[in-house]
Amino acid sequence: MDRVYNNVMRAALAVILFATIFLALPVSAQQQQKPADPKVNVSAATQQDFKVRLDQYLVVRKKAAGETPAPKQTNDPAQIVAVEEGLVAAIRAARPGAKPGDIFTPEIQATFRKLLAPELKGGDGAHTKDVLKDDAPAGVVLKVNGRYPDGKSFPSVPSNLLRNLPKLPPEVEYRIIGKNLILRDTGADMIVDFMLNAIQ
């Protein structure tokens, strides 16, 4: 009977000792044994950052538009250009230090490339690249706050690529120039930001 009692006591002491050692571990050591949280979606967080940065631009744009004469209904190209140039000047004054990457940050660029990549693979992807190549205007200089060059065509963006990118408000649009993605202000005809080698 004493032998059985001693064995039971040894087992109980072993359990208590194990529990004591485990509870004494630092919290970080215990956390290392837990799997990563699958709820964290890096792509969604990056797209949210893109929306925040775009909204900040739209606030600046709205203020600039309020400081320029309201456009009138006209078919006169000279008057249309004059209104656009007035808006561009006001936007430039409101964001004088604007530079590439203010909206298309490196993280956002990496996410956008991943979003576009599936549509650029295989036979359908080759066709999409051919469309982009055929539509690409030559000699477009990419410059933040710069006007889109007069006389240059606006290349279409295949619908399959647009579906994979975050939707935009009417004040701005995506355009793809060769392999580069630009964010264009539709009312000011101005390049808001751009990313190189979006198409790979």
Protein backbone atom coordinates (compact mmCIF):
# COMPACT_ATOMS: atom_id res chain seq x y z
CA MET A 1 0.00 0.00 0.00
CA ASP A 2 2.85 2.37 0.86
CA ARG A 3 4.40 1.69 -2.57
CA VAL A 4 1.14 2.63 -4.36
CA TYR A 5 0.81 5.73 -2.24
CA ASN A 6 4.36 6.80 -3.05
CA ASN A 7 3.82 6.31 -6.81
CA VAL A 8 0.65 8.41 -6.70
CA MET A 9 2.44 11.18 -4.82
CA ARG A 10 5.34 11.16 -7.29
CA ALA A 11 2.92 11.50 -10.25
CA ALA A 12 1.07 14.34 -8.55
CA LEU A 13 4.31 16.17 -7.80
CA ALA A 14 5.41 15.76 -11.44
CA VAL A 15 2.17 17.38 -12.70
CA ILE A 16 2.51 20.25 -10.26
CA LEU A 17 6.15 20.80 -11.23
CA PHE A 18 5.32 20.87 -14.98
CA ALA A 19 2.47 23.33 -14.45
CA THR A 20 4.71 25.56 -12.32
CA ILE A 21 7.47 25.63 -14.95
CA PHE A 22 5.04 26.39 -17.81
CA LEU A 23 3.32 29.21 -15.93
CA ALA A 24 6.70 30.67 -15.06
CA LEU A 25 7.62 31.02 -18.75
CA PRO A 26 7.66 34.59 -20.12
CA VAL A 27 4.51 35.58 -21.95
CA SER A 28 6.47 35.90 -25.20
CA ALA A 29 7.61 32.28 -24.95
CA GLN A 30 4.04 31.10 -24.49
CA GLN A 31 2.83 33.24 -27.41
CA GLN A 32 5.45 31.71 -29.72
CA GLN A 33 3.57 28.44 -29.51
CA LYS A 34 0.37 30.07 -30.86
CA PRO A 35 -0.23 30.16 -34.63
CA ALA A 36 -0.32 33.49 -36.45
CA ASP A 37 -3.67 35.25 -36.51
CA PRO A 38 -5.28 34.34 -39.87
CA LYS A 39 -7.65 37.31 -39.59
CA VAL A 40 -4.89 39.80 -40.41
CA ASN A 41 -5.23 40.70 -44.10
CA VAL A 42 -2.22 42.70 -45.25
CA SER A 43 -3.71 43.37 -48.70
CA ALA A 44 -6.91 44.80 -47.23
CA ALA A 45 -4.95 47.02 -44.85
CA THR A 46 -2.80 48.32 -47.70
CA GLN A 47 -5.85 49.03 -49.86
CA GLN A 48 -7.37 50.94 -46.93
CA ASP A 49 -4.18 53.01 -46.74
CA PHE A 50 -4.57 53.75 -50.47
CA LYS A 51 -8.15 54.96 -49.86
CA VAL A 52 -7.03 57.20 -47.00
CA ARG A 53 -4.28 58.77 -49.13
CA LEU A 54 -6.65 59.23 -52.06
CA ASP A 55 -9.26 60.85 -49.80
CA GLN A 56 -6.60 63.26 -48.55
CA TYR A 57 -5.88 64.26 -52.15
CA LEU A 58 -9.60 64.76 -52.84
CA VAL A 59 -9.87 67.11 -49.86
CA VAL A 60 -7.01 69.19 -51.28
CA ARG A 61 -8.60 69.05 -54.74
CA LYS A 62 -12.00 70.18 -53.47
CA LYS A 63 -10.47 73.17 -51.71
CA ALA A 64 -8.47 74.06 -54.84
CA ALA A 65 -11.57 73.76 -57.04
CA GLY A 66 -13.40 76.14 -54.70
CA GLU A 67 -10.72 78.76 -55.29
CA THR A 68 -11.00 78.66 -59.10
CA PRO A 69 -13.80 79.98 -61.34
CA ALA A 70 -16.57 77.49 -61.90
CA PRO A 71 -16.43 75.97 -65.40
CA LYS A 72 -19.14 77.07 -67.83
CA GLN A 73 -20.88 74.95 -70.40
CA THR A 74 -18.83 75.48 -73.53
CA ASN A 75 -17.48 73.67 -76.56
CA ASP A 76 -14.61 76.12 -76.98
CA PRO A 77 -11.37 74.12 -76.52
CA ALA A 78 -9.48 77.23 -75.42
CA GLN A 79 -11.92 77.91 -72.59
CA ILE A 80 -11.88 74.27 -71.50
CA VAL A 81 -8.08 74.31 -71.36
CA ALA A 82 -8.12 77.60 -69.44
CA VAL A 83 -10.41 76.11 -66.79
CA GLU A 84 -8.24 73.00 -66.53
CA GLU A 85 -5.07 75.06 -66.20
CA GLY A 86 -6.66 77.16 -63.46
CA LEU A 87 -7.54 74.03 -61.51
CA VAL A 88 -4.07 72.55 -62.06
CA ALA A 89 -2.42 75.75 -60.79
CA ALA A 90 -4.58 75.72 -57.65
CA ILE A 91 -3.85 72.04 -56.97
CA ARG A 92 -0.12 72.57 -57.48
CA ALA A 93 -0.17 75.47 -55.04
CA ALA A 94 -1.98 73.31 -52.50
CA ARG A 95 0.48 70.39 -52.76
CA PRO A 96 3.81 71.97 -53.77
CA GLY A 97 5.91 69.14 -52.36
CA ALA A 98 3.97 66.36 -54.09
CA LYS A 99 6.19 63.55 -55.33
CA PRO A 100 5.93 60.01 -56.72
CA GLY A 101 4.88 57.59 -54.01
CA ASP A 102 2.73 59.99 -51.98
CA ILE A 103 -0.30 57.88 -52.89
CA PHE A 104 1.33 54.86 -54.56
CA THR A 105 3.59 54.00 -51.62
CA PRO A 106 6.02 51.07 -52.03
CA GLU A 107 3.62 48.87 -50.05
CA ILE A 108 0.64 49.90 -52.18
CA GLN A 109 2.65 49.34 -55.36
CA ALA A 110 3.55 45.82 -54.25
CA THR A 111 -0.10 45.07 -53.48
CA PHE A 112 -1.29 46.47 -56.83
CA ARG A 113 1.23 44.33 -58.71
CA LYS A 114 -0.10 41.26 -56.91
CA LEU A 115 -3.68 42.25 -57.77
CA LEU A 116 -2.80 42.69 -61.44
CA ALA A 117 -0.51 39.66 -61.79
CA PRO A 118 -3.21 36.94 -62.20
CA GLU A 119 -4.66 38.78 -65.20
CA LEU A 120 -1.26 38.95 -66.92
CA LYS A 121 -0.54 35.22 -67.01
CA GLY A 122 -1.23 32.63 -69.69
CA GLY A 123 -2.86 33.21 -73.05
CA ASP A 124 -5.39 35.75 -71.78
CA GLY A 125 -2.61 37.63 -70.04
CA ALA A 126 -0.59 37.79 -73.25
CA HIS A 127 -3.63 39.24 -75.04
CA THR A 128 -4.06 41.84 -72.29
CA LYS A 129 -0.41 42.86 -72.62
CA ASP A 130 -0.81 43.16 -76.40
CA VAL A 131 -3.80 45.48 -75.95
CA LEU A 132 -1.84 47.67 -73.56
CA LYS A 133 1.15 47.76 -75.90
CA ASP A 134 -0.96 48.67 -78.94
CA ASP A 135 -2.78 51.47 -77.08
CA ALA A 136 0.27 52.98 -75.40
CA PRO A 137 1.03 56.53 -76.57
CA ALA A 138 4.70 57.35 -77.03
CA GLY A 139 6.53 60.22 -75.40
CA VAL A 140 4.39 60.65 -72.27
CA VAL A 141 6.58 62.12 -69.53
CA LEU A 142 5.40 61.02 -66.10
CA LYS A 143 5.53 63.86 -63.61
CA VAL A 144 3.45 64.34 -60.47
CA ASN A 145 1.36 67.53 -60.75
CA GLY A 146 2.19 67.58 -64.48
CA ARG A 147 -0.48 67.96 -67.15
CA TYR A 148 -1.19 64.94 -69.32
CA PRO A 149 0.42 65.87 -72.66
CA ASP A 150 -1.88 67.58 -75.16
CA GLY A 151 -2.60 65.53 -78.23
CA LYS A 152 -1.70 62.22 -76.59
CA SER A 153 -4.34 59.52 -76.59
CA PHE A 154 -5.78 58.08 -73.41
CA PRO A 155 -5.04 54.36 -73.53
CA SER A 156 -7.90 52.16 -72.45
CA VAL A 157 -7.47 49.96 -69.38
CA PRO A 158 -8.75 46.42 -69.99
CA SER A 159 -11.78 45.69 -67.83
CA ASN A 160 -10.21 42.57 -66.33
CA LEU A 161 -7.43 44.74 -64.84
CA LEU A 162 -9.83 47.39 -63.56
CA ARG A 163 -11.89 44.76 -61.75
CA ASN A 164 -8.83 43.78 -59.70
CA LEU A 165 -7.98 47.32 -58.59
CA PRO A 166 -9.77 49.41 -55.93
CA LYS A 167 -12.65 51.45 -57.38
CA LEU A 168 -12.08 55.16 -57.83
CA PRO A 169 -14.33 58.22 -57.45
CA PRO A 170 -15.16 60.14 -60.65
CA GLU A 171 -12.53 62.83 -60.00
CA VAL A 172 -9.71 60.40 -60.77
CA GLU A 173 -9.04 57.41 -62.99
CA TYR A 174 -6.43 54.78 -63.74
CA ARG A 175 -4.52 54.82 -67.01
CA ILE A 176 -1.75 52.46 -68.07
CA ILE A 177 1.05 53.95 -70.15
CA GLY A 178 3.19 51.09 -71.43
CA LYS A 179 3.99 49.20 -68.24
CA ASN A 180 3.31 52.11 -65.91
CA LEU A 181 0.13 52.87 -63.98
CA ILE A 182 -0.90 56.49 -63.52
CA LEU A 183 -3.56 58.11 -61.39
CA ARG A 184 -5.07 60.90 -63.49
CA ASP A 185 -7.24 63.79 -62.32
CA THR A 186 -10.05 63.80 -64.87
CA GLY A 187 -11.07 67.43 -64.36
CA ALA A 188 -7.58 68.89 -64.28
CA ASP A 189 -6.13 66.47 -66.86
CA MET A 190 -3.21 66.10 -64.47
CA ILE A 191 -1.06 63.22 -63.22
CA VAL A 192 -1.70 62.86 -59.49
CA ASP A 193 0.75 59.99 -58.96
CA PHE A 194 2.24 57.09 -60.88
CA MET A 195 3.97 53.76 -60.36
CA LEU A 196 6.54 52.23 -62.68
CA ASN A 197 6.43 48.63 -63.94
CA ALA A 198 2.91 47.90 -62.75
CA ILE A 199 2.69 45.48 -65.68
CA GLN A 200 5.28 42.71 -65.44
